[in-house]
């Protein structure tokens, strides 16, 4: 289940300073990884997949998985990549990535992987990135066969618009499955960002946070009759479009952070809203 949501546990404190927000996450429970870009770099025909390991590990969960052994084919030497969709991190600081990882079988756990984060989504972008983490999960002797949590500091991307995550399964041979789960990007949102001079703002959005609907206050610079309002989620997907109106109803949207683009065809203003 893909999620873009506000961490409501800390919502009460967000107006004071910053709000800790889950910007993007994927727990793979919808068994759909079609929004991830998969690259079979070794060309053996095996790649990352949404895997339901009911034969082992804990419960009936789907994972993002890659294998180094196939019962029909035999031993594999994977070089497989799974690249996330675009993740919009504009306006967030103290960015952080967390995920769960584990070998399917503790007796066959000599699996190596690397997780990369970059502002582009090509393999070259990831290999040139300075933000990555690599390990052989079989060296985690206390947790063989279990999923363990890993975190990666993404503060190097503070101020960036978009990031991508890549999981690479490589330098492994004749083991079994390597599973990833609960991939989460979080950050602190500065609710005062971009409001340094209200007199220079061409448009403002209120109330914010939003319960059911929001209003747009336009400056005289805009042609009010030609205004359109587009609401996108933090992946850039358009979720609402409006013409000029007195208010804009978003009551059917899930709780989370959204971007509001206001334009009259010549001038454009972009604002961020929090939907409760």
C-alpha atoms as a PDB file:
ATOM      1  CA  UNK A   1       0.000   0.000   0.000  1.00  0.00           C
ATOM      2  CA  UNK A   2       1.594   3.281  -1.114  1.00  0.00           C
ATOM      3  CA  UNK A   3       1.199   6.039   1.395  1.00  0.00           C
ATOM      4  CA  UNK A   4       1.624   9.801   1.463  1.00  0.00           C
ATOM      5  CA  UNK A   5       0.488  10.886   4.874  1.00  0.00           C
ATOM      6  CA  UNK A   6       1.086  13.193   7.795  1.00  0.00           C
ATOM      7  CA  UNK A   7       2.398  11.710  11.002  1.00  0.00           C
ATOM      8  CA  UNK A   8      -0.570  12.682  13.134  1.00  0.00           C
ATOM      9  CA  UNK A   9       1.142  11.692  16.354  1.00  0.00           C
ATOM     10  CA  UNK A  10       3.173  14.900  16.224  1.00  0.00           C
ATOM     11  CA  UNK A  11       0.625  17.079  14.457  1.00  0.00           C
ATOM     12  CA  UNK A  12      -0.188  19.124  17.539  1.00  0.00           C
ATOM     13  CA  UNK A  13       3.359  20.450  17.725  1.00  0.00           C
ATOM     14  CA  UNK A  14       3.907  21.302  14.064  1.00  0.00           C
ATOM     15  CA  UNK A  15       2.720  24.889  14.213  1.00  0.00           C
ATOM     16  CA  UNK A  16       5.256  25.666  16.906  1.00  0.00           C
ATOM     17  CA  UNK A  17       8.384  24.735  14.938  1.00  0.00           C
ATOM     18  CA  UNK A  18       8.566  21.811  12.517  1.00  0.00           C
ATOM     19  CA  UNK A  19       6.384  18.774  11.882  1.00  0.00           C
ATOM     20  CA  UNK A  20       7.837  15.300  11.473  1.00  0.00           C
ATOM     21  CA  UNK A  21       6.213  13.967   8.341  1.00  0.00           C
ATOM     22  CA  UNK A  22       6.161  10.682   6.493  1.00  0.00           C
ATOM     23  CA  UNK A  23       6.776  12.000   2.993  1.00  0.00           C
ATOM     24  CA  UNK A  24       6.569   8.703   1.119  1.00  0.00           C
ATOM     25  CA  UNK A  25       6.399   5.016   1.942  1.00  0.00           C
ATOM     26  CA  UNK A  26       5.786   1.619   0.405  1.00  0.00           C
ATOM     27  CA  UNK A  27       4.975  -1.504   2.416  1.00  0.00           C
ATOM     28  CA  UNK A  28       4.379  -3.645  -0.734  1.00  0.00           C
ATOM     29  CA  UNK A  29       1.179  -5.117   0.688  1.00  0.00           C
ATOM     30  CA  UNK A  30      -0.683  -4.317  -2.530  1.00  0.00           C
ATOM     31  CA  UNK A  31       1.721  -6.720  -4.293  1.00  0.00           C
ATOM     32  CA  UNK A  32       2.195  -4.005  -6.934  1.00  0.00           C
ATOM     33  CA  UNK A  33       5.681  -2.737  -7.746  1.00  0.00           C
ATOM     34  CA  UNK A  34       4.789  -1.430 -11.203  1.00  0.00           C
ATOM     35  CA  UNK A  35       5.702   2.096 -10.094  1.00  0.00           C
ATOM     36  CA  UNK A  36       9.269   0.923  -9.400  1.00  0.00           C
ATOM     37  CA  UNK A  37      11.734   0.750 -12.288  1.00  0.00           C
ATOM     38  CA  UNK A  38      13.377  -2.701 -12.426  1.00  0.00           C
ATOM     39  CA  UNK A  39      16.716  -3.313 -14.124  1.00  0.00           C
ATOM     40  CA  UNK A  40      18.106  -6.817 -14.737  1.00  0.00           C
ATOM     41  CA  UNK A  41      21.689  -5.624 -15.200  1.00  0.00           C
ATOM     42  CA  UNK A  42      23.151  -9.150 -15.363  1.00  0.00           C
ATOM     43  CA  UNK A  43      20.645 -10.185 -18.045  1.00  0.00           C
ATOM     44  CA  UNK A  44      19.732 -13.588 -16.607  1.00  0.00           C
ATOM     45  CA  UNK A  45      15.986 -12.987 -16.844  1.00  0.00           C
ATOM     46  CA  UNK A  46      15.509 -12.809 -13.073  1.00  0.00           C
ATOM     47  CA  UNK A  47      14.739  -9.502 -11.399  1.00  0.00           C
ATOM     48  CA  UNK A  48      13.141  -7.889  -8.375  1.00  0.00           C
ATOM     49  CA  UNK A  49       9.568  -9.005  -7.763  1.00  0.00           C
ATOM     50  CA  UNK A  50       6.728  -8.616  -5.275  1.00  0.00           C
ATOM     51  CA  UNK A  51       7.174 -11.840  -3.327  1.00  0.00           C
ATOM     52  CA  UNK A  52       4.854 -13.482  -0.813  1.00  0.00           C
ATOM     53  CA  UNK A  53       7.132 -15.740   1.246  1.00  0.00           C
ATOM     54  CA  UNK A  54       4.464 -17.777   2.992  1.00  0.00           C
ATOM     55  CA  UNK A  55       6.898 -20.688   3.130  1.00  0.00           C
ATOM     56  CA  UNK A  56       9.243 -18.876   5.505  1.00  0.00           C
ATOM     57  CA  UNK A  57       9.846 -15.804   7.645  1.00  0.00           C
ATOM     58  CA  UNK A  58       7.019 -14.116   9.517  1.00  0.00           C
ATOM     59  CA  UNK A  59       3.443 -14.276   8.257  1.00  0.00           C
ATOM     60  CA  UNK A  60       1.905 -13.658   4.864  1.00  0.00           C
ATOM     61  CA  UNK A  61       3.546 -10.426   3.753  1.00  0.00           C
ATOM     62  CA  UNK A  62       4.658  -9.221   0.366  1.00  0.00           C
ATOM     63  CA  UNK A  63       8.210  -7.957   0.041  1.00  0.00           C
ATOM     64  CA  UNK A  64      10.325  -6.312  -2.618  1.00  0.00           C
ATOM     65  CA  UNK A  65      12.576  -9.294  -3.288  1.00  0.00           C
ATOM     66  CA  UNK A  66      15.448 -10.472  -5.448  1.00  0.00           C
ATOM     67  CA  UNK A  67      16.835 -13.981  -5.592  1.00  0.00           C
ATOM     68  CA  UNK A  68      20.230 -15.637  -5.913  1.00  0.00           C
ATOM     69  CA  UNK A  69      18.784 -19.120  -6.336  1.00  0.00           C
ATOM     70  CA  UNK A  70      15.846 -20.490  -8.311  1.00  0.00           C
ATOM     71  CA  UNK A  71      14.494 -24.004  -7.800  1.00  0.00           C
ATOM     72  CA  UNK A  72      14.125 -24.571 -11.549  1.00  0.00           C
ATOM     73  CA  UNK A  73      17.116 -22.619 -12.858  1.00  0.00           C
ATOM     74  CA  UNK A  74      19.598 -23.209 -10.038  1.00  0.00           C
ATOM     75  CA  UNK A  75      22.233 -20.803  -8.637  1.00  0.00           C
ATOM     76  CA  UNK A  76      22.101 -17.159  -9.732  1.00  0.00           C
ATOM     77  CA  UNK A  77      24.593 -14.278  -9.603  1.00  0.00           C
ATOM     78  CA  UNK A  78      22.203 -11.308  -9.494  1.00  0.00           C
ATOM     79  CA  UNK A  79      22.878  -7.727 -10.396  1.00  0.00           C
ATOM     80  CA  UNK A  80      19.317  -6.474 -10.003  1.00  0.00           C
ATOM     81  CA  UNK A  81      18.107  -2.912  -9.424  1.00  0.00           C
ATOM     82  CA  UNK A  82      14.771  -1.644  -8.083  1.00  0.00           C
ATOM     83  CA  UNK A  83      14.387   2.130  -8.473  1.00  0.00           C
ATOM     84  CA  UNK A  84      11.619   4.007  -6.679  1.00  0.00           C
ATOM     85  CA  UNK A  85       9.257   6.481  -8.289  1.00  0.00           C
ATOM     86  CA  UNK A  86      10.106  10.173  -7.881  1.00  0.00           C
ATOM     87  CA  UNK A  87       9.782  11.337  -4.278  1.00  0.00           C
ATOM     88  CA  UNK A  88       9.073  15.046  -3.800  1.00  0.00           C
ATOM     89  CA  UNK A  89      11.029  16.309  -0.781  1.00  0.00           C
ATOM     90  CA  UNK A  90      10.782  20.040  -1.468  1.00  0.00           C
ATOM     91  CA  UNK A  91      10.395  22.068   1.718  1.00  0.00           C
ATOM     92  CA  UNK A  92      11.617  19.327   4.045  1.00  0.00           C
ATOM     93  CA  UNK A  93      14.783  19.119   6.127  1.00  0.00           C
ATOM     94  CA  UNK A  94      16.395  16.410   8.254  1.00  0.00           C
ATOM     95  CA  UNK A  95      15.490  13.861   5.594  1.00  0.00           C
ATOM     96  CA  UNK A  96      15.840  10.216   6.549  1.00  0.00           C
ATOM     97  CA  UNK A  97      15.324   6.830   4.904  1.00  0.00           C
ATOM     98  CA  UNK A  98      14.371   3.698   6.831  1.00  0.00           C
ATOM     99  CA  UNK A  99      13.635   0.194   5.580  1.00  0.00           C
ATOM    100  CA  UNK A 100      13.559  -3.437   6.648  1.00  0.00           C
ATOM    101  CA  UNK A 101      15.856  -6.003   5.065  1.00  0.00           C
ATOM    102  CA  UNK A 102      16.557  -9.692   5.608  1.00  0.00           C
ATOM    103  CA  UNK A 103      17.610 -12.904   3.941  1.00  0.00           C
ATOM    104  CA  UNK A 104      14.792 -15.356   3.350  1.00  0.00           C
ATOM    105  CA  UNK A 105      16.650 -18.230   5.001  1.00  0.00           C
ATOM    106  CA  UNK A 106      19.114 -17.775   7.833  1.00  0.00           C
ATOM    107  CA  UNK A 107      21.117 -20.758   6.592  1.00  0.00           C
ATOM    108  CA  UNK A 108      21.517 -19.128   3.180  1.00  0.00           C
ATOM    109  CA  UNK A 109      22.014 -15.504   4.097  1.00  0.00           C
ATOM    110  CA  UNK A 110      25.262 -14.546   2.363  1.00  0.00           C
ATOM    111  CA  UNK A 111      23.445 -11.824   0.393  1.00  0.00           C
ATOM    112  CA  UNK A 112      24.970  -8.442  -0.496  1.00  0.00           C
ATOM    113  CA  UNK A 113      23.018  -5.339  -1.383  1.00  0.00           C
ATOM    114  CA  UNK A 114      23.479  -1.586  -1.698  1.00  0.00           C
ATOM    115  CA  UNK A 115      20.877   1.138  -1.261  1.00  0.00           C
ATOM    116  CA  UNK A 116      21.559   4.393  -3.093  1.00  0.00           C
ATOM    117  CA  UNK A 117      19.774   7.756  -3.052  1.00  0.00           C
ATOM    118  CA  UNK A 118      20.188  10.354  -5.810  1.00  0.00           C
ATOM    119  CA  UNK A 119      18.413  13.262  -7.479  1.00  0.00           C
ATOM    120  CA  UNK A 120      18.342  11.385 -10.806  1.00  0.00           C
ATOM    121  CA  UNK A 121      17.077   7.887 -11.538  1.00  0.00           C
ATOM    122  CA  UNK A 122      19.732   6.455 -13.863  1.00  0.00           C
ATOM    123  CA  UNK A 123      22.185   3.802 -12.726  1.00  0.00           C
ATOM    124  CA  UNK A 124      24.966   6.303 -13.410  1.00  0.00           C
ATOM    125  CA  UNK A 125      23.265   8.803 -11.073  1.00  0.00           C
ATOM    126  CA  UNK A 126      23.173   6.233  -8.281  1.00  0.00           C
ATOM    127  CA  UNK A 127      26.718   4.992  -8.791  1.00  0.00           C
ATOM    128  CA  UNK A 128      27.965   8.595  -8.653  1.00  0.00           C
ATOM    129  CA  UNK A 129      25.963   9.413  -5.519  1.00  0.00           C
ATOM    130  CA  UNK A 130      27.795   9.919  -2.237  1.00  0.00           C
ATOM    131  CA  UNK A 131      24.721   8.818  -0.264  1.00  0.00           C
ATOM    132  CA  UNK A 132      24.570   5.026  -0.122  1.00  0.00           C
ATOM    133  CA  UNK A 133      24.855   2.087   2.245  1.00  0.00           C
ATOM    134  CA  UNK A 134      26.134  -1.409   1.438  1.00  0.00           C
ATOM    135  CA  UNK A 135      26.298  -4.571   3.498  1.00  0.00           C
ATOM    136  CA  UNK A 136      26.319  -8.345   3.439  1.00  0.00           C
ATOM    137  CA  UNK A 137      23.202  -9.121   5.469  1.00  0.00           C
ATOM    138  CA  UNK A 138      24.656 -12.519   6.382  1.00  0.00           C
ATOM    139  CA  UNK A 139      27.127 -10.746   8.645  1.00  0.00           C
ATOM    140  CA  UNK A 140      24.265  -9.736  10.947  1.00  0.00           C
ATOM    141  CA  UNK A 141      24.688 -12.950  12.887  1.00  0.00           C
ATOM    142  CA  UNK A 142      22.186 -12.080  15.623  1.00  0.00           C
ATOM    143  CA  UNK A 143      19.337 -11.665  13.150  1.00  0.00           C
ATOM    144  CA  UNK A 144      19.886 -14.317  10.479  1.00  0.00           C
ATOM    145  CA  UNK A 145      16.629 -15.020   8.711  1.00  0.00           C
ATOM    146  CA  UNK A 146      14.884 -12.028  10.289  1.00  0.00           C
ATOM    147  CA  UNK A 147      14.031  -8.614   8.923  1.00  0.00           C
ATOM    148  CA  UNK A 148      16.136  -5.882  10.518  1.00  0.00           C
ATOM    149  CA  UNK A 149      15.714  -2.117  10.311  1.00  0.00           C
ATOM    150  CA  UNK A 150      18.284   0.072   8.613  1.00  0.00           C
ATOM    151  CA  UNK A 151      18.331   3.865   8.394  1.00  0.00           C
ATOM    152  CA  UNK A 152      20.189   6.241   6.112  1.00  0.00           C
ATOM    153  CA  UNK A 153      20.699   9.973   6.721  1.00  0.00           C
ATOM    154  CA  UNK A 154      19.473  11.912   3.677  1.00  0.00           C
ATOM    155  CA  UNK A 155      20.173  15.410   4.989  1.00  0.00           C
ATOM    156  CA  UNK A 156      22.521  15.912   2.031  1.00  0.00           C
ATOM    157  CA  UNK A 157      19.331  16.336  -0.024  1.00  0.00           C
ATOM    158  CA  UNK A 158      17.876  19.153   2.078  1.00  0.00           C
ATOM    159  CA  UNK A 159      16.701  21.798  -0.374  1.00  0.00           C
ATOM    160  CA  UNK A 160      16.308  19.398  -3.298  1.00  0.00           C
ATOM    161  CA  UNK A 161      13.018  18.975  -5.134  1.00  0.00           C
ATOM    162  CA  UNK A 162      13.065  15.262  -5.971  1.00  0.00           C
ATOM    163  CA  UNK A 163      14.976  12.167  -4.922  1.00  0.00           C
ATOM    164  CA  UNK A 164      14.997   8.517  -5.989  1.00  0.00           C
ATOM    165  CA  UNK A 165      15.901   5.389  -4.021  1.00  0.00           C
ATOM    166  CA  UNK A 166      17.566   2.354  -5.586  1.00  0.00           C
ATOM    167  CA  UNK A 167      18.011  -1.087  -4.056  1.00  0.00           C
ATOM    168  CA  UNK A 168      20.678  -3.190  -5.754  1.00  0.00           C
ATOM    169  CA  UNK A 169      21.155  -6.928  -5.097  1.00  0.00           C
ATOM    170  CA  UNK A 170      24.646  -7.901  -6.221  1.00  0.00           C
ATOM    171  CA  UNK A 171      27.837  -9.853  -5.429  1.00  0.00           C
ATOM    172  CA  UNK A 172      25.760 -12.789  -4.191  1.00  0.00           C
ATOM    173  CA  UNK A 173      25.604 -16.397  -5.409  1.00  0.00           C
ATOM    174  CA  UNK A 174      23.581 -19.518  -4.694  1.00  0.00           C
ATOM    175  CA  UNK A 175      21.766 -18.269  -1.589  1.00  0.00           C
ATOM    176  CA  UNK A 176      17.983 -17.721  -1.764  1.00  0.00           C
ATOM    177  CA  UNK A 177      15.826 -14.560  -1.511  1.00  0.00           C
ATOM    178  CA  UNK A 178      16.753 -11.104  -0.238  1.00  0.00           C
ATOM    179  CA  UNK A 179      13.682  -9.247   1.034  1.00  0.00           C
ATOM    180  CA  UNK A 180      13.002  -5.533   1.573  1.00  0.00           C
ATOM    181  CA  UNK A 181       9.958  -4.071   3.310  1.00  0.00           C
ATOM    182  CA  UNK A 182       8.499  -0.885   4.830  1.00  0.00           C
ATOM    183  CA  UNK A 183      10.535   1.663   2.870  1.00  0.00           C
ATOM    184  CA  UNK A 184       9.875   5.081   4.441  1.00  0.00           C
ATOM    185  CA  UNK A 185      11.193   8.596   3.742  1.00  0.00           C
ATOM    186  CA  UNK A 186      10.615  11.116   6.526  1.00  0.00           C
ATOM    187  CA  UNK A 187      11.562  14.726   7.157  1.00  0.00           C
ATOM    188  CA  UNK A 188      10.848  17.837   9.160  1.00  0.00           C
ATOM    189  CA  UNK A 189       8.700  20.460   7.509  1.00  0.00           C
ATOM    190  CA  UNK A 190       9.366  24.111   8.243  1.00  0.00           C
ATOM    191  CA  UNK A 191       5.863  25.595   8.087  1.00  0.00           C
ATOM    192  CA  UNK A 192       7.306  29.112   7.820  1.00  0.00           C
ATOM    193  CA  UNK A 193       9.341  28.316   4.697  1.00  0.00           C
ATOM    194  CA  UNK A 194       8.633  30.605   1.773  1.00  0.00           C
ATOM    195  CA  UNK A 195       6.736  33.194   3.857  1.00  0.00           C
ATOM    196  CA  UNK A 196       9.594  35.591   4.508  1.00  0.00           C
ATOM    197  CA  UNK A 197       7.770  38.551   2.986  1.00  0.00           C
ATOM    198  CA  UNK A 198       3.995  38.343   2.654  1.00  0.00           C
ATOM    199  CA  UNK A 199       3.944  41.576   0.687  1.00  0.00           C
ATOM    200  CA  UNK A 200       5.901  39.873  -2.097  1.00  0.00           C
ATOM    201  CA  UNK A 201       3.663  36.806  -2.252  1.00  0.00           C
ATOM    202  CA  UNK A 202       1.401  36.682  -5.295  1.00  0.00           C
ATOM    203  CA  UNK A 203      -1.003  34.228  -3.663  1.00  0.00           C
ATOM    204  CA  UNK A 204      -1.705  32.672  -0.293  1.00  0.00           C
ATOM    205  CA  UNK A 205      -3.633  29.550   0.652  1.00  0.00           C
ATOM    206  CA  UNK A 206      -5.731  29.303   3.798  1.00  0.00           C
ATOM    207  CA  UNK A 207      -6.654  27.699   6.099  1.00  0.00           C
ATOM    208  CA  UNK A 208      -3.575  25.525   6.293  1.00  0.00           C
ATOM    209  CA  UNK A 209      -3.785  22.781   7.545  1.00  0.00           C
ATOM    210  CA  UNK A 210      -6.925  22.001   5.536  1.00  0.00           C
ATOM    211  CA  UNK A 211      -9.891  19.976   6.813  1.00  0.00           C
ATOM    212  CA  UNK A 212     -12.385  20.042   3.928  1.00  0.00           C
ATOM    213  CA  UNK A 213     -11.578  22.976   1.650  1.00  0.00           C
ATOM    214  CA  UNK A 214      -9.132  25.810   1.212  1.00  0.00           C
ATOM    215  CA  UNK A 215      -9.293  29.328  -0.196  1.00  0.00           C
ATOM    216  CA  UNK A 216      -6.820  31.185  -2.379  1.00  0.00           C
ATOM    217  CA  UNK A 217      -6.076  34.855  -1.851  1.00  0.00           C
ATOM    218  CA  UNK A 218      -4.687  36.307  -5.083  1.00  0.00           C
ATOM    219  CA  UNK A 219      -2.690  39.482  -5.468  1.00  0.00           C
ATOM    220  CA  UNK A 220      -3.698  42.004  -8.116  1.00  0.00           C
ATOM    221  CA  UNK A 221      -0.867  40.668 -10.293  1.00  0.00           C
ATOM    222  CA  UNK A 222      -3.030  37.671 -11.221  1.00  0.00           C
ATOM    223  CA  UNK A 223      -5.798  37.639 -13.815  1.00  0.00           C
ATOM    224  CA  UNK A 224      -8.393  36.165 -11.451  1.00  0.00           C
ATOM    225  CA  UNK A 225     -10.755  35.137 -14.270  1.00  0.00           C
ATOM    226  CA  UNK A 226      -8.096  32.925 -15.866  1.00  0.00           C
ATOM    227  CA  UNK A 227      -6.865  31.202 -12.738  1.00  0.00           C
ATOM    228  CA  UNK A 228      -6.645  27.423 -12.488  1.00  0.00           C
ATOM    229  CA  UNK A 229      -5.633  25.430  -9.409  1.00  0.00           C
ATOM    230  CA  UNK A 230      -3.919  22.050  -9.624  1.00  0.00           C
ATOM    231  CA  UNK A 231      -3.295  19.862  -6.574  1.00  0.00           C
ATOM    232  CA  UNK A 232      -0.608  17.157  -6.746  1.00  0.00           C
ATOM    233  CA  UNK A 233       0.583  14.614  -4.211  1.00  0.00           C
ATOM    234  CA  UNK A 234       4.223  14.413  -3.176  1.00  0.00           C
ATOM    235  CA  UNK A 235       5.092  12.113  -6.083  1.00  0.00           C
ATOM    236  CA  UNK A 236       3.860  14.769  -8.536  1.00  0.00           C
ATOM    237  CA  UNK A 237       0.633  12.926  -9.412  1.00  0.00           C
ATOM    238  CA  UNK A 238      -2.286  15.268 -10.133  1.00  0.00           C
ATOM    239  CA  UNK A 239      -5.122  14.521  -7.701  1.00  0.00           C
ATOM    240  CA  UNK A 240      -7.382  17.583  -8.174  1.00  0.00           C
ATOM    241  CA  UNK A 241      -7.894  20.280 -10.799  1.00  0.00           C
ATOM    242  CA  UNK A 242     -10.060  23.375 -10.408  1.00  0.00           C
ATOM    243  CA  UNK A 243     -11.012  26.499 -12.267  1.00  0.00           C
ATOM    244  CA  UNK A 244     -11.340  29.870 -10.546  1.00  0.00           C
ATOM    245  CA  UNK A 245     -13.610  29.496  -7.503  1.00  0.00           C
ATOM    246  CA  UNK A 246     -14.277  30.959  -4.070  1.00  0.00           C
ATOM    247  CA  UNK A 247     -13.060  27.752  -2.369  1.00  0.00           C
ATOM    248  CA  UNK A 248     -11.567  24.405  -3.318  1.00  0.00           C
ATOM    249  CA  UNK A 249     -12.910  21.200  -1.818  1.00  0.00           C
ATOM    250  CA  UNK A 250     -10.366  18.459  -1.054  1.00  0.00           C
ATOM    251  CA  UNK A 251     -12.384  16.591   1.576  1.00  0.00           C
ATOM    252  CA  UNK A 252     -11.986  13.291  -0.280  1.00  0.00           C
ATOM    253  CA  UNK A 253      -8.199  13.393  -0.227  1.00  0.00           C
ATOM    254  CA  UNK A 254      -6.278  11.287   2.265  1.00  0.00           C
ATOM    255  CA  UNK A 255      -4.439  13.011   5.082  1.00  0.00           C
ATOM    256  CA  UNK A 256      -1.020  14.120   3.934  1.00  0.00           C
ATOM    257  CA  UNK A 257       1.053  16.823   2.298  1.00  0.00           C
ATOM    258  CA  UNK A 258       0.093  18.195  -1.124  1.00  0.00           C
ATOM    259  CA  UNK A 259       1.357  20.843  -3.521  1.00  0.00           C
ATOM    260  CA  UNK A 260      -1.049  23.491  -4.857  1.00  0.00           C
ATOM    261  CA  UNK A 261      -0.105  25.121  -8.162  1.00  0.00           C
ATOM    262  CA  UNK A 262      -1.949  28.367  -8.911  1.00  0.00           C
ATOM    263  CA  UNK A 263      -1.586  29.848 -12.396  1.00  0.00           C
ATOM    264  CA  UNK A 264      -3.297  32.245 -14.790  1.00  0.00           C
ATOM    265  CA  UNK A 265      -1.205  31.100 -17.743  1.00  0.00           C
ATOM    266  CA  UNK A 266       1.412  33.798 -17.242  1.00  0.00           C
ATOM    267  CA  UNK A 267       2.054  33.902 -13.506  1.00  0.00           C
ATOM    268  CA  UNK A 268       2.440  30.803 -11.342  1.00  0.00           C
ATOM    269  CA  UNK A 269       2.591  30.415  -7.574  1.00  0.00           C
ATOM    270  CA  UNK A 270       3.194  27.110  -5.794  1.00  0.00           C
ATOM    271  CA  UNK A 271       2.124  26.439  -2.206  1.00  0.00           C
ATOM    272  CA  UNK A 272       2.211  23.435   0.050  1.00  0.00           C
ATOM    273  CA  UNK A 273      -0.813  22.381   2.105  1.00  0.00           C
ATOM    274  CA  UNK A 274      -1.336  19.825   4.829  1.00  0.00           C
ATOM    275  CA  UNK A 275      -4.592  17.889   4.560  1.00  0.00           C
ATOM    276  CA  UNK A 276      -5.905  16.669   7.913  1.00  0.00           C
END
